[in-house]
PDB file of N, CA and C in Angstrom:
ATOM      1  N   MET A   1      62.711  35.931 100.683  1.00  0.00           N
ATOM      2  CA  MET A   1      62.568  36.999  99.713  1.00  0.00           C
ATOM      3  C   MET A   1      63.585  36.778  98.598  1.00  0.00           C
ATOM      4  N   GLU A   2      63.123  36.815  97.359  1.00  0.00           N
ATOM      5  CA  GLU A   2      64.015  36.656  96.229  1.00  0.00           C
ATOM      6  C   GLU A   2      64.490  38.026  95.747  1.00  0.00           C
ATOM      7  N   LEU A   3      65.778  38.095  95.431  1.00  0.00           N
ATOM      8  CA  LEU A   3      66.375  39.341  94.984  1.00  0.00           C
ATOM      9  C   LEU A   3      66.854  39.212  93.555  1.00  0.00           C
ATOM     10  N   GLU A   4      66.655  40.259  92.797  1.00  0.00           N
ATOM     11  CA  GLU A   4      67.086  40.339  91.403  1.00  0.00           C
ATOM     12  C   GLU A   4      68.252  41.334  91.345  1.00  0.00           C
ATOM     13  N   PRO A   5      69.444  40.892  90.927  1.00  0.00           N
ATOM     14  CA  PRO A   5      70.567  41.836  90.854  1.00  0.00           C
ATOM     15  C   PRO A   5      70.516  42.665  89.574  1.00  0.00           C
ATOM     16  N   ILE A   6      70.740  43.949  89.721  1.00  0.00           N
ATOM     17  CA  ILE A   6      70.883  44.857  88.580  1.00  0.00           C
ATOM     18  C   ILE A   6      72.254  45.510  88.740  1.00  0.00           C
ATOM     19  N   PHE A   7      73.161  45.182  87.822  1.00  0.00           N
ATOM     20  CA  PHE A   7      74.520  45.700  87.875  1.00  0.00           C
ATOM     21  C   PHE A   7      74.596  46.987  87.079  1.00  0.00           C
ATOM     22  N   LEU A   8      75.310  47.970  87.646  1.00  0.00           N
ATOM     23  CA  LEU A   8      75.392  49.299  87.034  1.00  0.00           C
ATOM     24  C   LEU A   8      76.823  49.807  87.054  1.00  0.00           C
ATOM     25  N   ARG A   9      77.150  50.620  86.059  1.00  0.00           N
ATOM     26  CA  ARG A   9      78.409  51.366  86.039  1.00  0.00           C
ATOM     27  C   ARG A   9      78.036  52.840  85.990  1.00  0.00           C
ATOM     28  N   LEU A  10      78.704  53.622  86.813  1.00  0.00           N
ATOM     29  CA  LEU A  10      78.429  55.042  86.897  1.00  0.00           C
ATOM     30  C   LEU A  10      79.679  55.774  87.348  1.00  0.00           C
ATOM     31  N   ALA A  11      79.619  57.058  87.453  1.00  0.00           N
ATOM     32  CA  ALA A  11      80.768  57.831  87.931  1.00  0.00           C
ATOM     33  C   ALA A  11      80.979  57.534  89.414  1.00  0.00           C
ATOM     34  N   PRO A  12      82.233  57.407  89.835  1.00  0.00           N
ATOM     35  CA  PRO A  12      82.489  57.131  91.251  1.00  0.00           C
ATOM     36  C   PRO A  12      81.820  58.140  92.191  1.00  0.00           C
ATOM     37  N   SER A  13      81.759  59.381  91.763  1.00  0.00           N
ATOM     38  CA  SER A  13      81.149  60.412  92.607  1.00  0.00           C
ATOM     39  C   SER A  13      79.637  60.246  92.749  1.00  0.00           C
ATOM     40  N   ASP A  14      79.009  59.419  91.909  1.00  0.00           N
ATOM     41  CA  ASP A  14      77.557  59.218  91.971  1.00  0.00           C
ATOM     42  C   ASP A  14      77.136  57.975  92.748  1.00  0.00           C
ATOM     43  N   ILE A  15      78.106  57.170  93.187  1.00  0.00           N
ATOM     44  CA  ILE A  15      77.759  55.943  93.915  1.00  0.00           C
ATOM     45  C   ILE A  15      76.952  56.259  95.171  1.00  0.00           C
ATOM     46  N   ALA A  16      77.401  57.209  95.957  1.00  0.00           N
ATOM     47  CA  ALA A  16      76.701  57.552  97.201  1.00  0.00           C
ATOM     48  C   ALA A  16      75.282  58.048  96.916  1.00  0.00           C
ATOM     49  N   LEU A  17      75.105  58.826  95.859  1.00  0.00           N
ATOM     50  CA  LEU A  17      73.782  59.316  95.504  1.00  0.00           C
ATOM     51  C   LEU A  17      72.828  58.163  95.209  1.00  0.00           C
ATOM     52  N   VAL A  18      73.273  57.213  94.387  1.00  0.00           N
ATOM     53  CA  VAL A  18      72.416  56.083  94.019  1.00  0.00           C
ATOM     54  C   VAL A  18      72.078  55.257  95.256  1.00  0.00           C
ATOM     55  N   LYS A  19      73.072  55.027  96.114  1.00  0.00           N
ATOM     56  CA  LYS A  19      72.806  54.288  97.355  1.00  0.00           C
ATOM     57  C   LYS A  19      71.775  55.028  98.212  1.00  0.00           C
ATOM     58  N   PHE A  20      71.951  56.331  98.345  1.00  0.00           N
ATOM     59  CA  PHE A  20      71.028  57.125  99.159  1.00  0.00           C
ATOM     60  C   PHE A  20      69.605  57.076  98.604  1.00  0.00           C
ATOM     61  N   VAL A  21      69.469  57.213  97.298  1.00  0.00           N
ATOM     62  CA  VAL A  21      68.135  57.208  96.688  1.00  0.00           C
ATOM     63  C   VAL A  21      67.445  55.869  96.945  1.00  0.00           C
ATOM     64  N   PHE A  22      68.149  54.766  96.715  1.00  0.00           N
ATOM     65  CA  PHE A  22      67.528  53.460  96.960  1.00  0.00           C
ATOM     66  C   PHE A  22      67.219  53.249  98.441  1.00  0.00           C
ATOM     67  N   GLU A  23      68.090  53.705  99.326  1.00  0.00           N
ATOM     68  CA  GLU A  23      67.825  53.568 100.754  1.00  0.00           C
ATOM     69  C   GLU A  23      66.592  54.356 101.174  1.00  0.00           C
ATOM     70  N   SER A  24      66.313  55.454 100.482  1.00  0.00           N
ATOM     71  CA  SER A  24      65.142  56.257 100.839  1.00  0.00           C
ATOM     72  C   SER A  24      63.832  55.565 100.465  1.00  0.00           C
ATOM     73  N   TYR A  25      63.907  54.597  99.552  1.00  0.00           N
ATOM     74  CA  TYR A  25      62.751  53.766  99.202  1.00  0.00           C
ATOM     75  C   TYR A  25      62.894  52.447  99.957  1.00  0.00           C
ATOM     76  N   GLU A  26      62.602  52.475 101.225  1.00  0.00           N
ATOM     77  CA  GLU A  26      62.832  51.325 102.100  1.00  0.00           C
ATOM     78  C   GLU A  26      62.187  50.050 101.558  1.00  0.00           C
ATOM     79  N   GLY A  27      62.974  48.990 101.517  1.00  0.00           N
ATOM     80  CA  GLY A  27      62.469  47.696 101.093  1.00  0.00           C
ATOM     81  C   GLY A  27      62.571  47.416  99.602  1.00  0.00           C
ATOM     82  N   VAL A  28      62.951  48.403  98.803  1.00  0.00           N
ATOM     83  CA  VAL A  28      63.025  48.203  97.350  1.00  0.00           C
ATOM     84  C   VAL A  28      64.306  47.474  96.967  1.00  0.00           C
ATOM     85  N   ALA A  29      65.437  47.934  97.488  1.00  0.00           N
ATOM     86  CA  ALA A  29      66.713  47.346  97.088  1.00  0.00           C
ATOM     87  C   ALA A  29      67.791  47.625  98.119  1.00  0.00           C
ATOM     88  N   VAL A  30      68.796  46.789  98.077  1.00  0.00           N
ATOM     89  CA  VAL A  30      70.036  47.011  98.808  1.00  0.00           C
ATOM     90  C   VAL A  30      71.099  47.240  97.747  1.00  0.00           C
ATOM     91  N   VAL A  31      71.878  48.293  97.910  1.00  0.00           N
ATOM     92  CA  VAL A  31      72.911  48.609  96.925  1.00  0.00           C
ATOM     93  C   VAL A  31      74.271  48.285  97.527  1.00  0.00           C
ATOM     94  N   ARG A  32      75.054  47.523  96.769  1.00  0.00           N
ATOM     95  CA  ARG A  32      76.394  47.124  97.181  1.00  0.00           C
ATOM     96  C   ARG A  32      77.384  47.602  96.116  1.00  0.00           C
ATOM     97  N   THR A  33      78.561  47.992  96.555  1.00  0.00           N
ATOM     98  CA  THR A  33      79.623  48.354  95.622  1.00  0.00           C
ATOM     99  C   THR A  33      80.367  47.084  95.232  1.00  0.00           C
ATOM    100  N   VAL A  34      80.428  46.823  93.943  1.00  0.00           N
ATOM    101  CA  VAL A  34      81.148  45.659  93.426  1.00  0.00           C
ATOM    102  C   VAL A  34      82.622  46.010  93.248  1.00  0.00           C
ATOM    103  N   ASP A  35      82.881  47.163  92.615  1.00  0.00           N
ATOM    104  CA  ASP A  35      84.248  47.621  92.367  1.00  0.00           C
ATOM    105  C   ASP A  35      84.242  49.141  92.407  1.00  0.00           C
ATOM    106  N   ARG A  36      84.785  49.689  93.491  1.00  0.00           N
ATOM    107  CA  ARG A  36      84.718  51.154  93.644  1.00  0.00           C
ATOM    108  C   ARG A  36      85.613  51.873  92.649  1.00  0.00           C
ATOM    109  N   HIS A  37      86.707  51.237  92.222  1.00  0.00           N
ATOM    110  CA  HIS A  37      87.600  51.879  91.254  1.00  0.00           C
ATOM    111  C   HIS A  37      86.974  51.931  89.863  1.00  0.00           C
ATOM    112  N   ALA A  38      86.261  50.880  89.490  1.00  0.00           N
ATOM    113  CA  ALA A  38      85.568  50.858  88.199  1.00  0.00           C
ATOM    114  C   ALA A  38      84.175  51.471  88.311  1.00  0.00           C
ATOM    115  N   ALA A  39      83.784  51.850  89.529  1.00  0.00           N
ATOM    116  CA  ALA A  39      82.464  52.429  89.805  1.00  0.00           C
ATOM    117  C   ALA A  39      81.349  51.505  89.334  1.00  0.00           C
ATOM    118  N   GLU A  40      81.440  50.244  89.756  1.00  0.00           N
ATOM    119  CA  GLU A  40      80.409  49.252  89.449  1.00  0.00           C
ATOM    120  C   GLU A  40      79.696  48.883  90.741  1.00  0.00           C
ATOM    121  N   ILE A  41      78.372  48.933  90.684  1.00  0.00           N
ATOM    122  CA  ILE A  41      77.552  48.610  91.845  1.00  0.00           C
ATOM    123  C   ILE A  41      76.490  47.596  91.437  1.00  0.00           C
ATOM    124  N   VAL A  42      75.861  47.014  92.438  1.00  0.00           N
ATOM    125  CA  VAL A  42      74.728  46.133  92.177  1.00  0.00           C
ATOM    126  C   VAL A  42      73.581  46.577  93.076  1.00  0.00           C
ATOM    127  N   ALA A  43      72.409  46.688  92.484  1.00  0.00           N
ATOM    128  CA  ALA A  43      71.183  46.913  93.247  1.00  0.00           C
ATOM    129  C   ALA A  43      70.516  45.547  93.364  1.00  0.00           C
ATOM    130  N   LEU A  44      70.422  45.051  94.581  1.00  0.00           N
ATOM    131  CA  LEU A  44      69.756  43.771  94.841  1.00  0.00           C
ATOM    132  C   LEU A  44      68.305  44.101  95.138  1.00  0.00           C
ATOM    133  N   VAL A  45      67.473  43.894  94.139  1.00  0.00           N
ATOM    134  CA  VAL A  45      66.096  44.372  94.154  1.00  0.00           C
ATOM    135  C   VAL A  45      65.144  43.244  94.536  1.00  0.00           C
ATOM    136  N   SER A  46      64.262  43.534  95.459  1.00  0.00           N
ATOM    137  CA  SER A  46      63.196  42.588  95.780  1.00  0.00           C
ATOM    138  C   SER A  46      62.337  42.428  94.531  1.00  0.00           C
ATOM    139  N   ARG A  47      62.067  41.192  94.153  1.00  0.00           N
ATOM    140  CA  ARG A  47      61.296  40.956  92.917  1.00  0.00           C
ATOM    141  C   ARG A  47      59.929  41.625  92.957  1.00  0.00           C
ATOM    142  N   ASP A  48      59.371  41.796  94.154  1.00  0.00           N
ATOM    143  CA  ASP A  48      58.078  42.483  94.275  1.00  0.00           C
ATOM    144  C   ASP A  48      58.176  43.960  93.903  1.00  0.00           C
ATOM    145  N   PHE A  49      59.382  44.513  93.963  1.00  0.00           N
ATOM    146  CA  PHE A  49      59.574  45.936  93.692  1.00  0.00           C
ATOM    147  C   PHE A  49      60.421  46.190  92.445  1.00  0.00           C
ATOM    148  N   LEU A  50      60.509  45.205  91.572  1.00  0.00           N
ATOM    149  CA  LEU A  50      61.349  45.349  90.380  1.00  0.00           C
ATOM    150  C   LEU A  50      60.891  46.510  89.498  1.00  0.00           C
ATOM    151  N   ALA A  51      59.604  46.675  89.315  1.00  0.00           N
ATOM    152  CA  ALA A  51      59.091  47.784  88.490  1.00  0.00           C
ATOM    153  C   ALA A  51      59.430  49.134  89.130  1.00  0.00           C
ATOM    154  N   VAL A  52      59.337  49.211  90.439  1.00  0.00           N
ATOM    155  CA  VAL A  52      59.681  50.450  91.155  1.00  0.00           C
ATOM    156  C   VAL A  52      61.161  50.750  90.979  1.00  0.00           C
ATOM    157  N   ALA A  53      62.008  49.735  91.141  1.00  0.00           N
ATOM    158  CA  ALA A  53      63.450  49.927  90.997  1.00  0.00           C
ATOM    159  C   ALA A  53      63.796  50.382  89.580  1.00  0.00           C
ATOM    160  N   ARG A  54      63.163  49.773  88.583  1.00  0.00           N
ATOM    161  CA  ARG A  54      63.415  50.177  87.192  1.00  0.00           C
ATOM    162  C   ARG A  54      62.988  51.630  86.968  1.00  0.00           C
ATOM    163  N   ALA A  55      61.893  52.045  87.591  1.00  0.00           N
ATOM    164  CA  ALA A  55      61.441  53.440  87.461  1.00  0.00           C
ATOM    165  C   ALA A  55      62.437  54.386  88.138  1.00  0.00           C
ATOM    166  N   ILE A  56      62.954  53.995  89.280  1.00  0.00           N
ATOM    167  CA  ILE A  56      63.969  54.812  89.962  1.00  0.00           C
ATOM    168  C   ILE A  56      65.201  54.950  89.073  1.00  0.00           C
ATOM    169  N   LEU A  57      65.646  53.849  88.494  1.00  0.00           N
ATOM    170  CA  LEU A  57      66.817  53.897  87.620  1.00  0.00           C
ATOM    171  C   LEU A  57      66.571  54.732  86.371  1.00  0.00           C
ATOM    172  N   ALA A  58      65.373  54.644  85.815  1.00  0.00           N
ATOM    173  CA  ALA A  58      65.044  55.461  84.645  1.00  0.00           C
ATOM    174  C   ALA A  58      65.122  56.941  84.987  1.00  0.00           C
ATOM    175  N   ASP A  59      64.604  57.309  86.159  1.00  0.00           N
ATOM    176  CA  ASP A  59      64.665  58.706  86.580  1.00  0.00           C
ATOM    177  C   ASP A  59      66.105  59.133  86.839  1.00  0.00           C
ATOM    178  N   LEU A  60      66.866  58.282  87.529  1.00  0.00           N
ATOM    179  CA  LEU A  60      68.271  58.617  87.800  1.00  0.00           C
ATOM    180  C   LEU A  60      69.060  58.782  86.513  1.00  0.00           C
ATOM    181  N   SER A  61      68.776  57.951  85.510  1.00  0.00           N
ATOM    182  CA  SER A  61      69.541  58.013  84.256  1.00  0.00           C
ATOM    183  C   SER A  61      69.306  59.309  83.494  1.00  0.00           C
ATOM    184  N   GLU A  62      68.227  60.022  83.827  1.00  0.00           N
ATOM    185  CA  GLU A  62      67.991  61.331  83.215  1.00  0.00           C
ATOM    186  C   GLU A  62      68.791  62.420  83.922  1.00  0.00           C
ATOM    187  N   ARG A  63      69.307  62.108  85.102  1.00  0.00           N
ATOM    188  CA  ARG A  63      70.026  63.087  85.911  1.00  0.00           C
ATOM    189  C   ARG A  63      71.527  62.844  85.967  1.00  0.00           C
ATOM    190  N   ILE A  64      71.925  61.566  85.918  1.00  0.00           N
ATOM    191  CA  ILE A  64      73.339  61.216  85.972  1.00  0.00           C
ATOM    192  C   ILE A  64      73.618  60.123  84.935  1.00  0.00           C
ATOM    193  N   PRO A  65      74.831  60.070  84.410  1.00  0.00           N
ATOM    194  CA  PRO A  65      75.144  58.986  83.480  1.00  0.00           C
ATOM    195  C   PRO A  65      75.317  57.668  84.239  1.00  0.00           C
ATOM    196  N   LEU A  66      74.543  56.669  83.838  1.00  0.00           N
ATOM    197  CA  LEU A  66      74.689  55.330  84.391  1.00  0.00           C
ATOM    198  C   LEU A  66      74.287  54.336  83.330  1.00  0.00           C
ATOM    199  N   ALA A  67      74.860  53.138  83.433  1.00  0.00           N
ATOM    200  CA  ALA A  67      74.581  52.105  82.433  1.00  0.00           C
ATOM    201  C   ALA A  67      74.431  50.768  83.128  1.00  0.00           C
ATOM    202  N   GLU A  68      73.429  50.015  82.706  1.00  0.00           N
ATOM    203  CA  GLU A  68      73.291  48.654  83.197  1.00  0.00           C
ATOM    204  C   GLU A  68      74.325  47.795  82.470  1.00  0.00           C
ATOM    205  N   ILE A  69      75.002  46.946  83.231  1.00  0.00           N
ATOM    206  CA  ILE A  69      76.076  46.124  82.682  1.00  0.00           C
ATOM    207  C   ILE A  69      75.837  44.659  83.041  1.00  0.00           C
ATOM    208  N   PRO A  70      76.492  43.747  82.323  1.00  0.00           N
ATOM    209  CA  PRO A  70      76.416  42.340  82.732  1.00  0.00           C
ATOM    210  C   PRO A  70      77.136  42.144  84.064  1.00  0.00           C
ATOM    211  N   ARG A  71      76.850  41.043  84.706  1.00  0.00           N
ATOM    212  CA  ARG A  71      77.472  40.744  85.994  1.00  0.00           C
ATOM    213  C   ARG A  71      78.999  40.705  85.855  1.00  0.00           C
ATOM    214  N   PRO A  72      79.708  41.580  86.589  1.00  0.00           N
ATOM    215  CA  PRO A  72      81.171  41.558  86.544  1.00  0.00           C
ATOM    216  C   PRO A  72      81.715  40.336  87.291  1.00  0.00           C
ATOM    217  N   PRO A  73      82.864  39.818  86.885  1.00  0.00           N
ATOM    218  CA  PRO A  73      83.439  38.665  87.578  1.00  0.00           C
ATOM    219  C   PRO A  73      83.718  38.942  89.055  1.00  0.00           C
ATOM    220  N   GLU A  74      84.016  40.202  89.393  1.00  0.00           N
ATOM    221  CA  GLU A  74      84.335  40.568  90.772  1.00  0.00           C
ATOM    222  C   GLU A  74      83.122  40.476  91.695  1.00  0.00           C
ATOM    223  N   ALA A  75      81.938  40.363  91.143  1.00  0.00           N
ATOM    224  CA  ALA A  75      80.721  40.345  91.959  1.00  0.00           C
ATOM    225  C   ALA A  75      80.708  39.167  92.917  1.00  0.00           C
ATOM    226  N   GLY A  76      81.344  38.071  92.550  1.00  0.00           N
ATOM    227  CA  GLY A  76      81.387  36.908  93.416  1.00  0.00           C
ATOM    228  C   GLY A  76      82.256  37.101  94.646  1.00  0.00           C
ATOM    229  N   ASP A  77      83.049  38.166  94.683  1.00  0.00           N
ATOM    230  CA  ASP A  77      83.910  38.436  95.835  1.00  0.00           C
ATOM    231  C   ASP A  77      83.127  38.997  97.023  1.00  0.00           C
ATOM    232  N   ASP A  78      81.950  39.525  96.782  1.00  0.00           N
ATOM    233  CA  ASP A  78      81.125  40.101  97.839  1.00  0.00           C
ATOM    234  C   ASP A  78      80.414  38.976  98.603  1.00  0.00           C
ATOM    235  N   TRP A  79      80.482  39.005  99.914  1.00  0.00           N
ATOM    236  CA  TRP A  79      79.898  37.918 100.716  1.00  0.00           C
ATOM    237  C   TRP A  79      78.403  37.780 100.486  1.00  0.00           C
ATOM    238  N   LEU A  80      77.694  38.878 100.317  1.00  0.00           N
ATOM    239  CA  LEU A  80      76.252  38.805 100.109  1.00  0.00           C
ATOM    240  C   LEU A  80      75.930  38.174  98.763  1.00  0.00           C
ATOM    241  N   MET A  81      76.699  38.508  97.745  1.00  0.00           N
ATOM    242  CA  MET A  81      76.472  37.905  96.432  1.00  0.00           C
ATOM    243  C   MET A  81      76.737  36.400  96.485  1.00  0.00           C
ATOM    244  N   ARG A  82      77.753  35.982  97.244  1.00  0.00           N
ATOM    245  CA  ARG A  82      78.030  34.545  97.380  1.00  0.00           C
ATOM    246  C   ARG A  82      76.876  33.831  98.068  1.00  0.00           C
ATOM    247  N   VAL A  83      76.314  34.458  99.096  1.00  0.00           N
ATOM    248  CA  VAL A  83      75.169  33.867  99.796  1.00  0.00           C
ATOM    249  C   VAL A  83      73.984  33.731  98.845  1.00  0.00           C
ATOM    250  N   LEU A  84      73.726  34.763  98.059  1.00  0.00           N
ATOM    251  CA  LEU A  84      72.616  34.720  97.113  1.00  0.00           C
ATOM    252  C   LEU A  84      72.849  33.663  96.046  1.00  0.00           C
ATOM    253  N   ASP A  85      74.081  33.534  95.582  1.00  0.00           N
ATOM    254  CA  ASP A  85      74.393  32.500  94.591  1.00  0.00           C
ATOM    255  C   ASP A  85      74.174  31.119  95.167  1.00  0.00           C
ATOM    256  N   ASP A  86      74.545  30.930  96.430  1.00  0.00           N
ATOM    257  CA  ASP A  86      74.363  29.629  97.085  1.00  0.00           C
ATOM    258  C   ASP A  86      72.887  29.273  97.245  1.00  0.00           C
ATOM    259  N   ASP A  87      72.047  30.298  97.415  1.00  0.00           N
ATOM    260  CA  ASP A  87      70.608  30.076  97.605  1.00  0.00           C
ATOM    261  C   ASP A  87      69.881  29.735  96.317  1.00  0.00           C
ATOM    262  N   SER A  88      70.475  30.089  95.170  1.00  0.00           N
ATOM    263  CA  SER A  88      69.758  29.852  93.903  1.00  0.00           C
ATOM    264  C   SER A  88      70.064  28.523  93.304  1.00  0.00           C
TER     265      SER A  88
END
């Protein structure tokens, strides 16, 4: 399964909400915290569900402030991101 990373910055208090919402859509994405202090997360989205994930993010952005960001340098510190990088 190929995963597409979508990096986001949001309020620290909203990280759990975003994780919960994506978890409720089983199989769409896995959400990992890249930097909890900077409130940066990555949604590792199955390419088959990229449109669904984008729709979820569009809806969330109407409810909470969040922004898509470029890949932070700290993202390589996460073991799962390293595995995905090795696979590509």
